[in-house]
Amino acid sequence: MIAQSFSIFILFLGFLFSSTESLRFDLQSGHTKCIAEDIKSNSMTVGNYHVQKHDENIPLPDSHKLTVRVTSSYGNSYHYAEHTESGQFAFTAAESGDYMVCFWLSDHNPAITATVDFEWKTGVAAKDWGNVAKKGQIDVMELELKKLLDTVNSIHEEMFYLRDSGRATILAPEDLLREEEASLIRWKPEILHFVFVIV
């Protein structure tokens, strides 16, 4: 019973700490919109963006093309694209902190509005598991186990990150957990044995 409750807790944390953001917003000419995400160091992040076309047969006018920049909280630039209608970025975060994506349109008279679709994935969600399976012709079960192992490792790293950054107050202290649950958290191989028994 305890082991089953713990496995549900681990899966919940995996979904919680894997972040995917997808949104659509309007951007007026001469204005900037920025979106920030708190990313821990050594986490993979991937973003895709494009300006919506009202008619696919008509090319996008130059007035609707974006300038996009991705920077860290320390001012390091990870992506820059000027005068583009679509693009993508991918990088592994070098330092923990807020990473910001800013979109802007050049000033235009009369004012225009462009609709931007933006998707941002971090952590486990940023990995392209479908291509991993295609490249190596990996068995479906093995692929699922690799995903689960990556999720467990990500949760483990996130727990240390939260503890070190002082944000761990939202989690129950380890001394409040039962002795069996505490030993599962401290000893990752036992968690993997549990996973193999279930599968």
Protein backbone atom coordinates (compact mmCIF):
# COMPACT_ATOMS: atom_id res chain seq x y z
CA MET A 1 0.00 0.00 0.00
CA ILE A 2 2.80 2.40 0.93
CA ALA A 3 4.75 1.49 -2.20
CA GLN A 4 1.71 2.10 -4.42
CA SER A 5 1.05 5.49 -2.81
CA PHE A 6 4.68 6.42 -3.25
CA SER A 7 4.66 5.46 -6.94
CA ILE A 8 1.61 7.66 -7.53
CA PHE A 9 3.40 10.49 -5.72
CA ILE A 10 6.50 10.03 -7.94
CA LEU A 11 4.40 10.09 -11.13
CA PHE A 12 2.60 13.23 -9.92
CA LEU A 13 5.92 14.97 -9.26
CA GLY A 14 7.16 13.92 -12.70
CA PHE A 15 4.25 15.67 -14.37
CA LEU A 16 4.63 18.66 -12.06
CA PHE A 17 8.33 19.25 -12.74
CA SER A 18 8.16 18.64 -16.49
CA SER A 19 7.04 21.90 -17.90
CA THR A 20 5.42 22.58 -21.22
CA GLU A 21 3.95 25.95 -22.04
CA SER A 22 2.04 26.64 -25.20
CA LEU A 23 0.25 29.88 -25.86
CA ARG A 24 -1.04 32.20 -28.52
CA PHE A 25 -0.91 35.95 -28.09
CA ASP A 26 -1.36 39.15 -30.06
CA LEU A 27 1.59 41.50 -30.50
CA GLN A 28 1.15 45.10 -31.63
CA SER A 29 3.74 46.89 -33.74
CA GLY A 30 6.20 48.91 -31.69
CA HIS A 31 5.54 46.78 -28.58
CA THR A 32 7.40 43.96 -26.83
CA LYS A 33 6.08 40.88 -25.02
CA CYS A 34 8.38 38.82 -22.79
CA ILE A 35 7.79 35.43 -21.20
CA ALA A 36 10.01 34.13 -18.39
CA GLU A 37 10.58 30.60 -17.12
CA ASP A 38 12.56 29.50 -14.06
CA ILE A 39 14.92 26.78 -15.33
CA LYS A 40 17.49 24.88 -13.29
CA SER A 41 21.01 24.35 -14.58
CA ASN A 42 21.69 21.43 -16.94
CA SER A 43 18.00 21.26 -17.95
CA MET A 44 17.13 20.95 -21.61
CA THR A 45 14.74 23.55 -23.02
CA VAL A 46 13.15 23.78 -26.47
CA GLY A 47 10.99 26.54 -27.95
CA ASN A 48 9.07 26.93 -31.21
CA TYR A 49 7.34 30.07 -32.44
CA HIS A 50 5.61 31.30 -35.55
CA VAL A 51 3.38 34.14 -36.71
CA GLN A 52 -0.12 33.00 -37.67
CA LYS A 53 -1.04 33.59 -41.29
CA HIS A 54 -4.63 34.45 -42.12
CA ASP A 55 -4.23 32.87 -45.55
CA GLU A 56 -1.58 30.21 -46.17
CA ASN A 57 -1.43 31.09 -49.89
CA ILE A 58 -0.36 34.69 -49.26
CA PRO A 59 3.18 35.36 -48.01
CA LEU A 60 3.51 37.10 -44.66
CA PRO A 61 4.14 40.86 -45.11
CA ASP A 62 7.43 42.24 -43.77
CA SER A 63 5.52 44.33 -41.24
CA HIS A 64 4.41 41.11 -39.49
CA LYS A 65 7.90 39.63 -39.08
CA LEU A 66 9.30 39.32 -35.55
CA THR A 67 12.52 39.89 -33.71
CA VAL A 68 13.05 37.27 -30.99
CA ARG A 69 15.68 37.07 -28.26
CA VAL A 70 16.24 34.46 -25.49
CA THR A 71 18.40 35.52 -22.53
CA SER A 72 19.28 34.26 -19.07
CA SER A 73 18.90 36.28 -15.89
CA TYR A 74 22.67 36.93 -16.12
CA GLY A 75 22.28 38.56 -19.55
CA ASN A 76 23.69 35.67 -21.62
CA SER A 77 22.03 35.39 -25.03
CA TYR A 78 20.91 31.92 -26.18
CA HIS A 79 18.93 32.78 -29.30
CA TYR A 80 18.45 35.81 -31.52
CA ALA A 81 16.42 36.02 -34.72
CA GLU A 82 15.62 39.21 -36.58
CA HIS A 83 12.88 39.80 -39.13
CA THR A 84 11.53 36.24 -39.06
CA GLU A 85 8.09 34.68 -39.25
CA SER A 86 9.03 31.44 -37.45
CA GLY A 87 11.87 29.78 -35.64
CA GLN A 88 12.99 27.53 -32.86
CA PHE A 89 15.62 27.38 -30.16
CA ALA A 90 17.06 24.62 -28.02
CA PHE A 91 19.76 24.71 -25.38
CA THR A 92 20.85 23.22 -22.08
CA ALA A 93 20.70 25.83 -19.33
CA ALA A 94 24.16 26.72 -18.10
CA GLU A 95 22.95 28.36 -14.91
CA SER A 96 19.81 28.20 -12.78
CA GLY A 97 17.42 31.11 -12.88
CA ASP A 98 14.87 32.92 -15.01
CA TYR A 99 15.23 32.65 -18.76
CA MET A 100 13.31 35.18 -20.83
CA VAL A 101 12.00 35.09 -24.38
CA CYS A 102 11.11 38.51 -25.81
CA PHE A 103 9.14 39.08 -29.02
CA TRP A 104 8.75 42.44 -30.74
CA LEU A 105 7.52 43.94 -33.97
CA SER A 106 8.99 47.03 -35.59
CA ASP A 107 6.99 50.21 -35.25
CA HIS A 108 4.50 50.62 -38.09
CA ASN A 109 2.05 53.34 -39.01
CA PRO A 110 -0.85 52.54 -38.95
CA ALA A 111 -0.42 50.11 -36.05
CA ILE A 112 -0.74 46.42 -36.90
CA THR A 113 -1.27 43.33 -34.76
CA ALA A 114 0.34 39.93 -35.35
CA THR A 115 -0.77 36.69 -33.70
CA VAL A 116 2.11 34.57 -32.40
CA ASP A 117 1.99 30.87 -31.48
CA PHE A 118 4.67 29.91 -28.97
CA GLU A 119 5.49 26.57 -27.35
CA TRP A 120 8.16 26.21 -24.67
CA LYS A 121 9.18 22.86 -23.19
CA THR A 122 11.66 22.25 -20.36
CA GLY A 123 12.96 19.22 -18.50
CA VAL A 124 11.78 15.75 -19.48
CA ALA A 125 9.11 17.23 -21.79
CA ALA A 126 11.82 18.85 -23.93
CA LYS A 127 13.32 15.55 -25.06
CA ASP A 128 12.11 14.23 -28.38
CA TRP A 129 11.35 10.66 -27.33
CA GLY A 130 9.77 9.76 -30.68
CA ASN A 131 13.01 10.39 -32.56
CA VAL A 132 14.98 8.46 -29.95
CA ALA A 133 12.80 5.43 -30.65
CA LYS A 134 13.12 5.80 -34.44
CA LYS A 135 16.89 6.16 -34.43
CA GLY A 136 17.65 3.05 -32.44
CA GLN A 137 14.58 0.92 -33.18
CA ILE A 138 14.11 0.63 -29.44
CA ASP A 139 11.48 -1.69 -28.05
CA VAL A 140 8.41 0.16 -26.72
CA MET A 141 8.87 -1.16 -23.19
CA GLU A 142 12.50 -0.10 -23.09
CA LEU A 143 11.55 3.37 -24.29
CA GLU A 144 8.92 3.70 -21.55
CA LEU A 145 11.45 2.60 -18.93
CA LYS A 146 13.95 5.16 -20.19
CA LYS A 147 11.29 7.86 -19.93
CA LEU A 148 10.45 6.76 -16.40
CA LEU A 149 14.12 6.67 -15.37
CA ASP A 150 14.62 10.15 -16.80
CA THR A 151 11.56 11.36 -14.87
CA VAL A 152 12.84 9.83 -11.62
CA ASN A 153 16.26 11.44 -12.13
CA SER A 154 14.62 14.78 -12.93
CA ILE A 155 12.52 14.59 -9.75
CA HIS A 156 15.59 13.72 -7.72
CA GLU A 157 17.53 16.69 -9.15
CA GLU A 158 14.54 18.98 -8.64
CA MET A 159 14.28 17.96 -4.98
CA PHE A 160 17.92 18.92 -4.43
CA TYR A 161 17.43 22.15 -6.38
CA LEU A 162 14.40 23.10 -4.30
CA ARG A 163 16.20 22.25 -1.07
CA ASP A 164 19.30 24.25 -2.05
CA SER A 165 17.34 27.26 -3.27
CA GLY A 166 15.22 27.48 -0.12
CA ARG A 167 11.97 26.70 -1.92
CA ALA A 168 11.51 23.32 -0.25
CA THR A 169 9.02 24.66 2.27
CA ILE A 170 6.16 23.47 0.07
CA LEU A 171 7.36 19.87 0.45
CA ALA A 172 6.91 17.85 3.63
CA PRO A 173 10.17 17.55 5.61
CA GLU A 174 11.80 14.14 5.36
CA ASP A 175 11.48 13.53 9.11
CA LEU A 176 7.67 13.58 8.76
CA LEU A 177 7.70 10.73 6.27
CA ARG A 178 7.46 7.16 7.43
CA GLU A 179 10.75 5.31 7.66
CA GLU A 180 9.88 3.13 4.63
CA GLU A 181 9.10 6.13 2.43
CA ALA A 182 12.24 7.96 3.53
CA SER A 183 14.41 4.97 2.65
CA LEU A 184 12.81 4.85 -0.84
CA ILE A 185 13.70 8.49 -1.47
CA ARG A 186 17.28 8.05 -0.33
CA TRP A 187 17.92 4.82 -2.24
CA LYS A 188 17.11 5.16 -5.96
CA PRO A 189 17.91 1.53 -6.96
CA GLU A 190 15.03 0.33 -4.77
CA ILE A 191 12.70 2.62 -6.71
CA LEU A 192 13.89 1.11 -9.99
CA HIS A 193 13.33 -2.43 -8.66
CA PHE A 194 9.82 -1.38 -7.76
CA VAL A 195 9.29 -0.05 -11.29
CA PHE A 196 10.51 -3.31 -12.84
CA VAL A 197 8.14 -5.33 -10.62
CA ILE A 198 5.16 -3.27 -11.77
CA VAL A 199 6.08 -3.50 -15.45
